Amino acid sequence: MYHYTYVLLSRKDGKFYTGYTKDLKGRFEEHHRGGVKSTKDRRPLELIYYEACRDRNDARHREQYLKTHHGKMFLHNRLKSYLTGSKSF
C-alpha cells in the first residue's frame, strides 16, 4: 500500500499546507469539509501536488523535507508554471 505526501494551496491566503496520508482522496475530502483544524479557516483548498511513497516513514520524511527551505524551493521550481499561470511546453 502506498502512502502519499501532498501539498494543498489555500485560495484564501495563498499559502501551502503539506501533509502525508495513506488515503489521499479521503484526506483531501476531510480538508475540504473543514474537518482538519489547521486548514479549516484556510478554505477553499486545492490539491496542487502529491507524491506516492512505498511506506509511511518515507512519506513522513518527504513531508518534513518539503517543509524545509530547500523543500519549498523544490516545490516552487517544480510548480513554477502552475503558480505563475504560464504554460511552456
PDB file of N, CA and C in Angstrom:
ATOM      1  N   MET A   1       0.844  -1.189   0.000  1.00  0.00           N
ATOM      2  CA  MET A   1       0.000   0.000   0.000  1.00  0.00           C
ATOM      3  C   MET A   1       0.886   1.249   0.000  1.00  0.00           C
ATOM      4  N   TYR A   2       0.520   2.197  -0.800  1.00  0.00           N
ATOM      5  CA  TYR A   2       1.263   3.451  -0.869  1.00  0.00           C
ATOM      6  C   TYR A   2       0.798   4.428   0.209  1.00  0.00           C
ATOM      7  N   HIS A   3       1.693   5.310   0.555  1.00  0.00           N
ATOM      8  CA  HIS A   3       1.382   6.467   1.383  1.00  0.00           C
ATOM      9  C   HIS A   3       1.728   7.690   0.542  1.00  0.00           C
ATOM     10  N   TYR A   4       1.068   8.791   0.805  1.00  0.00           N
ATOM     11  CA  TYR A   4       1.209   9.970  -0.051  1.00  0.00           C
ATOM     12  C   TYR A   4       1.648  11.186   0.756  1.00  0.00           C
ATOM     13  N   THR A   5       2.543  11.937   0.165  1.00  0.00           N
ATOM     14  CA  THR A   5       2.888  13.260   0.652  1.00  0.00           C
ATOM     15  C   THR A   5       2.171  14.225  -0.286  1.00  0.00           C
ATOM     16  N   TYR A   6       1.499  15.212   0.270  1.00  0.00           N
ATOM     17  CA  TYR A   6       0.689  16.084  -0.576  1.00  0.00           C
ATOM     18  C   TYR A   6       0.836  17.536  -0.162  1.00  0.00           C
ATOM     19  N   VAL A   7       0.518  18.413  -1.114  1.00  0.00           N
ATOM     20  CA  VAL A   7       0.570  19.851  -0.873  1.00  0.00           C
ATOM     21  C   VAL A   7      -0.751  20.453  -1.330  1.00  0.00           C
ATOM     22  N   LEU A   8      -1.349  21.220  -0.439  1.00  0.00           N
ATOM     23  CA  LEU A   8      -2.572  21.951  -0.744  1.00  0.00           C
ATOM     24  C   LEU A   8      -2.241  23.429  -0.856  1.00  0.00           C
ATOM     25  N   LEU A   9      -2.946  24.116  -1.708  1.00  0.00           N
ATOM     26  CA  LEU A   9      -2.832  25.567  -1.828  1.00  0.00           C
ATOM     27  C   LEU A   9      -4.118  26.181  -1.312  1.00  0.00           C
ATOM     28  N   SER A  10      -3.974  27.079  -0.346  1.00  0.00           N
ATOM     29  CA  SER A  10      -5.137  27.797   0.171  1.00  0.00           C
ATOM     30  C   SER A  10      -5.455  28.934  -0.777  1.00  0.00           C
ATOM     31  N   ARG A  11      -6.653  28.931  -1.314  1.00  0.00           N
ATOM     32  CA  ARG A  11      -7.089  30.037  -2.182  1.00  0.00           C
ATOM     33  C   ARG A  11      -7.435  31.270  -1.346  1.00  0.00           C
ATOM     34  N   LYS A  12      -7.550  31.104  -0.046  1.00  0.00           N
ATOM     35  CA  LYS A  12      -7.859  32.226   0.837  1.00  0.00           C
ATOM     36  C   LYS A  12      -6.614  33.041   1.163  1.00  0.00           C
ATOM     37  N   ASP A  13      -5.510  32.355   1.541  1.00  0.00           N
ATOM     38  CA  ASP A  13      -4.307  33.094   1.942  1.00  0.00           C
ATOM     39  C   ASP A  13      -3.109  32.869   1.016  1.00  0.00           C
ATOM     40  N   GLY A  14      -3.265  32.004   0.009  1.00  0.00           N
ATOM     41  CA  GLY A  14      -2.197  31.780  -0.964  1.00  0.00           C
ATOM     42  C   GLY A  14      -1.021  30.967  -0.438  1.00  0.00           C
ATOM     43  N   LYS A  15      -1.176  30.345   0.727  1.00  0.00           N
ATOM     44  CA  LYS A  15      -0.078  29.586   1.325  1.00  0.00           C
ATOM     45  C   LYS A  15      -0.308  28.090   1.155  1.00  0.00           C
ATOM     46  N   PHE A  16       0.809  27.351   1.298  1.00  0.00           N
ATOM     47  CA  PHE A  16       0.781  25.898   1.169  1.00  0.00           C
ATOM     48  C   PHE A  16       0.493  25.234   2.506  1.00  0.00           C
ATOM     49  N   TYR A  17      -0.095  24.060   2.418  1.00  0.00           N
ATOM     50  CA  TYR A  17      -0.196  23.139   3.549  1.00  0.00           C
ATOM     51  C   TYR A  17       0.366  21.819   3.051  1.00  0.00           C
ATOM     52  N   THR A  18       1.303  21.240   3.788  1.00  0.00           N
ATOM     53  CA  THR A  18       1.929  19.986   3.404  1.00  0.00           C
ATOM     54  C   THR A  18       1.606  18.920   4.437  1.00  0.00           C
ATOM     55  N   GLY A  19       1.232  17.734   3.970  1.00  0.00           N
ATOM     56  CA  GLY A  19       0.914  16.640   4.871  1.00  0.00           C
ATOM     57  C   GLY A  19       1.189  15.305   4.226  1.00  0.00           C
ATOM     58  N   TYR A  20       0.890  14.236   4.964  1.00  0.00           N
ATOM     59  CA  TYR A  20       1.005  12.894   4.403  1.00  0.00           C
ATOM     60  C   TYR A  20      -0.161  12.045   4.897  1.00  0.00           C
ATOM     61  N   THR A  21      -0.492  11.025   4.116  1.00  0.00           N
ATOM     62  CA  THR A  21      -1.638  10.178   4.420  1.00  0.00           C
ATOM     63  C   THR A  21      -1.546   8.874   3.645  1.00  0.00           C
ATOM     64  N   LYS A  22      -2.298   7.887   4.069  1.00  0.00           N
ATOM     65  CA  LYS A  22      -2.400   6.661   3.271  1.00  0.00           C
ATOM     66  C   LYS A  22      -3.650   6.673   2.397  1.00  0.00           C
ATOM     67  N   ASP A  23      -4.538   7.638   2.605  1.00  0.00           N
ATOM     68  CA  ASP A  23      -5.780   7.766   1.821  1.00  0.00           C
ATOM     69  C   ASP A  23      -5.879   9.198   1.298  1.00  0.00           C
ATOM     70  N   LEU A  24      -5.262   9.445   0.156  1.00  0.00           N
ATOM     71  CA  LEU A  24      -5.186  10.804  -0.383  1.00  0.00           C
ATOM     72  C   LEU A  24      -6.567  11.394  -0.651  1.00  0.00           C
ATOM     73  N   LYS A  25      -7.426  10.640  -1.294  1.00  0.00           N
ATOM     74  CA  LYS A  25      -8.760  11.156  -1.621  1.00  0.00           C
ATOM     75  C   LYS A  25      -9.557  11.452  -0.348  1.00  0.00           C
ATOM     76  N   GLY A  26      -9.559  10.537   0.588  1.00  0.00           N
ATOM     77  CA  GLY A  26     -10.291  10.733   1.836  1.00  0.00           C
ATOM     78  C   GLY A  26      -9.750  11.895   2.650  1.00  0.00           C
ATOM     79  N   ARG A  27      -8.434  12.024   2.684  1.00  0.00           N
ATOM     80  CA  ARG A  27      -7.828  13.124   3.448  1.00  0.00           C
ATOM     81  C   ARG A  27      -8.159  14.473   2.806  1.00  0.00           C
ATOM     82  N   PHE A  28      -8.114  14.544   1.472  1.00  0.00           N
ATOM     83  CA  PHE A  28      -8.463  15.798   0.811  1.00  0.00           C
ATOM     84  C   PHE A  28      -9.923  16.159   1.085  1.00  0.00           C
ATOM     85  N   GLU A  29     -10.798  15.177   1.045  1.00  0.00           N
ATOM     86  CA  GLU A  29     -12.211  15.437   1.344  1.00  0.00           C
ATOM     87  C   GLU A  29     -12.386  15.940   2.777  1.00  0.00           C
ATOM     88  N   GLU A  30     -11.590  15.391   3.691  1.00  0.00           N
ATOM     89  CA  GLU A  30     -11.633  15.843   5.080  1.00  0.00           C
ATOM     90  C   GLU A  30     -11.208  17.314   5.181  1.00  0.00           C
ATOM     91  N   HIS A  31     -10.143  17.683   4.476  1.00  0.00           N
ATOM     92  CA  HIS A  31      -9.717  19.088   4.427  1.00  0.00           C
ATOM     93  C   HIS A  31     -10.836  19.947   3.837  1.00  0.00           C
ATOM     94  N   HIS A  32     -11.400  19.493   2.734  1.00  0.00           N
ATOM     95  CA  HIS A  32     -12.436  20.233   2.010  1.00  0.00           C
ATOM     96  C   HIS A  32     -13.666  20.503   2.884  1.00  0.00           C
ATOM     97  N   ARG A  33     -14.040  19.521   3.694  1.00  0.00           N
ATOM     98  CA  ARG A  33     -15.205  19.660   4.578  1.00  0.00           C
ATOM     99  C   ARG A  33     -14.928  20.530   5.794  1.00  0.00           C
ATOM    100  N   GLY A  34     -13.667  20.857   6.049  1.00  0.00           N
ATOM    101  CA  GLY A  34     -13.332  21.641   7.238  1.00  0.00           C
ATOM    102  C   GLY A  34     -13.039  20.787   8.451  1.00  0.00           C
ATOM    103  N   GLY A  35     -12.772  19.504   8.233  1.00  0.00           N
ATOM    104  CA  GLY A  35     -12.522  18.583   9.326  1.00  0.00           C
ATOM    105  C   GLY A  35     -11.092  18.536   9.828  1.00  0.00           C
ATOM    106  N   VAL A  36     -10.213  19.374   9.259  1.00  0.00           N
ATOM    107  CA  VAL A  36      -8.819  19.422   9.696  1.00  0.00           C
ATOM    108  C   VAL A  36      -8.580  20.796  10.317  1.00  0.00           C
ATOM    109  N   LYS A  37      -8.245  20.793  11.580  1.00  0.00           N
ATOM    110  CA  LYS A  37      -8.114  22.035  12.345  1.00  0.00           C
ATOM    111  C   LYS A  37      -7.172  23.053  11.685  1.00  0.00           C
ATOM    112  N   SER A  38      -6.025  22.587  11.198  1.00  0.00           N
ATOM    113  CA  SER A  38      -5.023  23.516  10.666  1.00  0.00           C
ATOM    114  C   SER A  38      -5.406  24.139   9.327  1.00  0.00           C
ATOM    115  N   THR A  39      -6.386  23.585   8.623  1.00  0.00           N
ATOM    116  CA  THR A  39      -6.782  24.172   7.335  1.00  0.00           C
ATOM    117  C   THR A  39      -8.240  24.623   7.312  1.00  0.00           C
ATOM    118  N   LYS A  40      -8.949  24.401   8.393  1.00  0.00           N
ATOM    119  CA  LYS A  40     -10.386  24.711   8.439  1.00  0.00           C
ATOM    120  C   LYS A  40     -10.690  26.148   8.024  1.00  0.00           C
ATOM    121  N   ASP A  41      -9.910  27.102   8.524  1.00  0.00           N
ATOM    122  CA  ASP A  41     -10.158  28.517   8.234  1.00  0.00           C
ATOM    123  C   ASP A  41      -9.402  29.013   7.008  1.00  0.00           C
ATOM    124  N   ARG A  42      -8.778  28.095   6.266  1.00  0.00           N
ATOM    125  CA  ARG A  42      -7.992  28.487   5.086  1.00  0.00           C
ATOM    126  C   ARG A  42      -8.640  28.012   3.790  1.00  0.00           C
ATOM    127  N   ARG A  43      -9.856  27.519   3.873  1.00  0.00           N
ATOM    128  CA  ARG A  43     -10.563  27.036   2.680  1.00  0.00           C
ATOM    129  C   ARG A  43     -11.041  28.196   1.830  1.00  0.00           C
ATOM    130  N   PRO A  44     -11.183  27.992   0.528  1.00  0.00           N
ATOM    131  CA  PRO A  44     -11.083  26.747  -0.230  1.00  0.00           C
ATOM    132  C   PRO A  44      -9.624  26.341  -0.464  1.00  0.00           C
ATOM    133  N   LEU A  45      -9.443  25.027  -0.599  1.00  0.00           N
ATOM    134  CA  LEU A  45      -8.130  24.429  -0.791  1.00  0.00           C
ATOM    135  C   LEU A  45      -8.085  23.684  -2.107  1.00  0.00           C
ATOM    136  N   GLU A  46      -6.908  23.662  -2.690  1.00  0.00           N
ATOM    137  CA  GLU A  46      -6.715  22.949  -3.949  1.00  0.00           C
ATOM    138  C   GLU A  46      -5.523  22.013  -3.796  1.00  0.00           C
ATOM    139  N   LEU A  47      -5.695  20.766  -4.192  1.00  0.00           N
ATOM    140  CA  LEU A  47      -4.577  19.820  -4.207  1.00  0.00           C
ATOM    141  C   LEU A  47      -3.720  20.159  -5.410  1.00  0.00           C
ATOM    142  N   ILE A  48      -2.482  20.585  -5.162  1.00  0.00           N
ATOM    143  CA  ILE A  48      -1.642  21.009  -6.284  1.00  0.00           C
ATOM    144  C   ILE A  48      -0.455  20.098  -6.528  1.00  0.00           C
ATOM    145  N   TYR A  49      -0.163  19.181  -5.579  1.00  0.00           N
ATOM    146  CA  TYR A  49       0.998  18.317  -5.756  1.00  0.00           C
ATOM    147  C   TYR A  49       0.886  17.130  -4.826  1.00  0.00           C
ATOM    148  N   TYR A  50       1.305  15.971  -5.299  1.00  0.00           N
ATOM    149  CA  TYR A  50       1.435  14.820  -4.411  1.00  0.00           C
ATOM    150  C   TYR A  50       2.488  13.865  -4.953  1.00  0.00           C
ATOM    151  N   GLU A  51       3.031  13.069  -4.044  1.00  0.00           N
ATOM    152  CA  GLU A  51       3.998  12.036  -4.381  1.00  0.00           C
ATOM    153  C   GLU A  51       3.565  10.752  -3.694  1.00  0.00           C
ATOM    154  N   ALA A  52       3.718   9.626  -4.367  1.00  0.00           N
ATOM    155  CA  ALA A  52       3.442   8.324  -3.774  1.00  0.00           C
ATOM    156  C   ALA A  52       4.746   7.774  -3.203  1.00  0.00           C
ATOM    157  N   CYS A  53       4.670   7.260  -1.980  1.00  0.00           N
ATOM    158  CA  CYS A  53       5.827   6.681  -1.300  1.00  0.00           C
ATOM    159  C   CYS A  53       5.513   5.237  -0.940  1.00  0.00           C
ATOM    160  N   ARG A  54       6.544   4.422  -0.829  1.00  0.00           N
ATOM    161  CA  ARG A  54       6.361   2.992  -0.565  1.00  0.00           C
ATOM    162  C   ARG A  54       5.893   2.693   0.850  1.00  0.00           C
ATOM    163  N   ASP A  55       6.192   3.568   1.800  1.00  0.00           N
ATOM    164  CA  ASP A  55       5.742   3.311   3.164  1.00  0.00           C
ATOM    165  C   ASP A  55       5.563   4.620   3.927  1.00  0.00           C
ATOM    166  N   ARG A  56       4.997   4.499   5.126  1.00  0.00           N
ATOM    167  CA  ARG A  56       4.662   5.664   5.952  1.00  0.00           C
ATOM    168  C   ARG A  56       5.895   6.492   6.310  1.00  0.00           C
ATOM    169  N   ASN A  57       6.984   5.825   6.670  1.00  0.00           N
ATOM    170  CA  ASN A  57       8.194   6.559   7.055  1.00  0.00           C
ATOM    171  C   ASN A  57       8.741   7.393   5.903  1.00  0.00           C
ATOM    172  N   ASP A  58       8.743   6.844   4.694  1.00  0.00           N
ATOM    173  CA  ASP A  58       9.205   7.607   3.530  1.00  0.00           C
ATOM    174  C   ASP A  58       8.318   8.834   3.310  1.00  0.00           C
ATOM    175  N   ALA A  59       7.008   8.652   3.419  1.00  0.00           N
ATOM    176  CA  ALA A  59       6.083   9.774   3.221  1.00  0.00           C
ATOM    177  C   ALA A  59       6.287  10.846   4.292  1.00  0.00           C
ATOM    178  N   ARG A  60       6.481  10.411   5.527  1.00  0.00           N
ATOM    179  CA  ARG A  60       6.681  11.360   6.626  1.00  0.00           C
ATOM    180  C   ARG A  60       7.991  12.128   6.450  1.00  0.00           C
ATOM    181  N   HIS A  61       9.051  11.438   6.041  1.00  0.00           N
ATOM    182  CA  HIS A  61      10.332  12.117   5.800  1.00  0.00           C
ATOM    183  C   HIS A  61      10.233  13.090   4.633  1.00  0.00           C
ATOM    184  N   ARG A  62       9.509  12.695   3.611  1.00  0.00           N
ATOM    185  CA  ARG A  62       9.336  13.594   2.462  1.00  0.00           C
ATOM    186  C   ARG A  62       8.532  14.830   2.866  1.00  0.00           C
ATOM    187  N   GLU A  63       7.514  14.646   3.694  1.00  0.00           N
ATOM    188  CA  GLU A  63       6.744  15.777   4.203  1.00  0.00           C
ATOM    189  C   GLU A  63       7.660  16.729   4.968  1.00  0.00           C
ATOM    190  N   GLN A  64       8.491  16.187   5.841  1.00  0.00           N
ATOM    191  CA  GLN A  64       9.405  17.022   6.622  1.00  0.00           C
ATOM    192  C   GLN A  64      10.358  17.790   5.705  1.00  0.00           C
ATOM    193  N   TYR A  65      10.866  17.124   4.661  1.00  0.00           N
ATOM    194  CA  TYR A  65      11.748  17.803   3.715  1.00  0.00           C
ATOM    195  C   TYR A  65      11.024  18.935   2.995  1.00  0.00           C
ATOM    196  N   LEU A  66       9.817  18.683   2.523  1.00  0.00           N
ATOM    197  CA  LEU A  66       9.087  19.709   1.769  1.00  0.00           C
ATOM    198  C   LEU A  66       8.746  20.928   2.623  1.00  0.00           C
ATOM    199  N   LYS A  67       8.802  20.787   3.936  1.00  0.00           N
ATOM    200  CA  LYS A  67       8.544  21.915   4.832  1.00  0.00           C
ATOM    201  C   LYS A  67       9.803  22.732   5.118  1.00  0.00           C
ATOM    202  N   THR A  68      10.963  22.255   4.672  1.00  0.00           N
ATOM    203  CA  THR A  68      12.213  22.991   4.867  1.00  0.00           C
ATOM    204  C   THR A  68      12.373  24.054   3.782  1.00  0.00           C
ATOM    205  N   HIS A  69      13.346  24.908   3.966  1.00  0.00           N
ATOM    206  CA  HIS A  69      13.642  25.941   2.962  1.00  0.00           C
ATOM    207  C   HIS A  69      13.936  25.300   1.603  1.00  0.00           C
ATOM    208  N   HIS A  70      14.793  24.278   1.596  1.00  0.00           N
ATOM    209  CA  HIS A  70      15.137  23.620   0.326  1.00  0.00           C
ATOM    210  C   HIS A  70      13.941  22.899  -0.277  1.00  0.00           C
ATOM    211  N   GLY A  71      13.104  22.314   0.558  1.00  0.00           N
ATOM    212  CA  GLY A  71      11.902  21.658   0.067  1.00  0.00           C
ATOM    213  C   GLY A  71      10.934  22.643  -0.551  1.00  0.00           C
ATOM    214  N   LYS A  72      10.793  23.798   0.060  1.00  0.00           N
ATOM    215  CA  LYS A  72       9.918  24.841  -0.501  1.00  0.00           C
ATOM    216  C   LYS A  72      10.458  25.355  -1.823  1.00  0.00           C
ATOM    217  N   MET A  73      11.793  25.475  -1.920  1.00  0.00           N
ATOM    218  CA  MET A  73      12.402  25.887  -3.194  1.00  0.00           C
ATOM    219  C   MET A  73      12.126  24.829  -4.259  1.00  0.00           C
ATOM    220  N   PHE A  74      12.243  23.547  -3.908  1.00  0.00           N
ATOM    221  CA  PHE A  74      11.943  22.465  -4.839  1.00  0.00           C
ATOM    222  C   PHE A  74      10.518  22.584  -5.350  1.00  0.00           C
ATOM    223  N   LEU A  75       9.568  22.774  -4.434  1.00  0.00           N
ATOM    224  CA  LEU A  75       8.160  22.887  -4.835  1.00  0.00           C
ATOM    225  C   LEU A  75       7.924  24.080  -5.747  1.00  0.00           C
ATOM    226  N   HIS A  76       8.491  25.218  -5.408  1.00  0.00           N
ATOM    227  CA  HIS A  76       8.290  26.402  -6.246  1.00  0.00           C
ATOM    228  C   HIS A  76       8.880  26.191  -7.630  1.00  0.00           C
ATOM    229  N   ASN A  77      10.040  25.544  -7.717  1.00  0.00           N
ATOM    230  CA  ASN A  77      10.624  25.259  -9.031  1.00  0.00           C
ATOM    231  C   ASN A  77       9.798  24.226  -9.788  1.00  0.00           C
ATOM    232  N   ARG A  78       9.336  23.210  -9.096  1.00  0.00           N
ATOM    233  CA  ARG A  78       8.550  22.133  -9.713  1.00  0.00           C
ATOM    234  C   ARG A  78       7.207  22.654 -10.222  1.00  0.00           C
ATOM    235  N   LEU A  79       6.639  23.606  -9.506  1.00  0.00           N
ATOM    236  CA  LEU A  79       5.300  24.110  -9.824  1.00  0.00           C
ATOM    237  C   LEU A  79       5.323  25.514 -10.427  1.00  0.00           C
ATOM    238  N   LYS A  80       6.480  25.948 -10.862  1.00  0.00           N
ATOM    239  CA  LYS A  80       6.645  27.329 -11.325  1.00  0.00           C
ATOM    240  C   LYS A  80       5.614  27.743 -12.374  1.00  0.00           C
ATOM    241  N   SER A  81       5.436  26.936 -13.405  1.00  0.00           N
ATOM    242  CA  SER A  81       4.497  27.333 -14.461  1.00  0.00           C
ATOM    243  C   SER A  81       3.059  27.324 -13.947  1.00  0.00           C
ATOM    244  N   TYR A  82       2.739  26.396 -13.062  1.00  0.00           N
ATOM    245  CA  TYR A  82       1.394  26.357 -12.492  1.00  0.00           C
ATOM    246  C   TYR A  82       1.142  27.581 -11.629  1.00  0.00           C
ATOM    247  N   LEU A  83       2.099  27.914 -10.780  1.00  0.00           N
ATOM    248  CA  LEU A  83       1.910  29.016  -9.833  1.00  0.00           C
ATOM    249  C   LEU A  83       1.917  30.378 -10.517  1.00  0.00           C
ATOM    250  N   THR A  84       2.622  30.512 -11.617  1.00  0.00           N
ATOM    251  CA  THR A  84       2.674  31.797 -12.310  1.00  0.00           C
ATOM    252  C   THR A  84       1.620  31.897 -13.413  1.00  0.00           C
ATOM    253  N   GLY A  85       1.000  30.763 -13.732  1.00  0.00           N
ATOM    254  CA  GLY A  85      -0.027  30.769 -14.763  1.00  0.00           C
ATOM    255  C   GLY A  85       0.534  30.687 -16.172  1.00  0.00           C
ATOM    256  N   SER A  86       1.843  30.561 -16.314  1.00  0.00           N
ATOM    257  CA  SER A  86       2.433  30.466 -17.643  1.00  0.00           C
ATOM    258  C   SER A  86       2.557  28.998 -18.047  1.00  0.00           C
ATOM    259  N   LYS A  87       2.307  28.734 -19.278  1.00  0.00           N
ATOM    260  CA  LYS A  87       2.400  27.379 -19.801  1.00  0.00           C
ATOM    261  C   LYS A  87       3.547  27.347 -20.823  1.00  0.00           C
ATOM    262  N   SER A  88       4.561  26.544 -20.536  1.00  0.00           N
ATOM    263  CA  SER A  88       5.643  26.405 -21.502  1.00  0.00           C
ATOM    264  C   SER A  88       5.808  24.919 -21.815  1.00  0.00           C
ATOM    265  N   PHE A  89       5.619  24.574 -23.077  1.00  0.00           N
ATOM    266  CA  PHE A  89       5.684  23.166 -23.489  1.00  0.00           C
ATOM    267  C   PHE A  89       6.913  22.946 -24.341  1.00  0.00           C
TER     268      PHE A  89
END
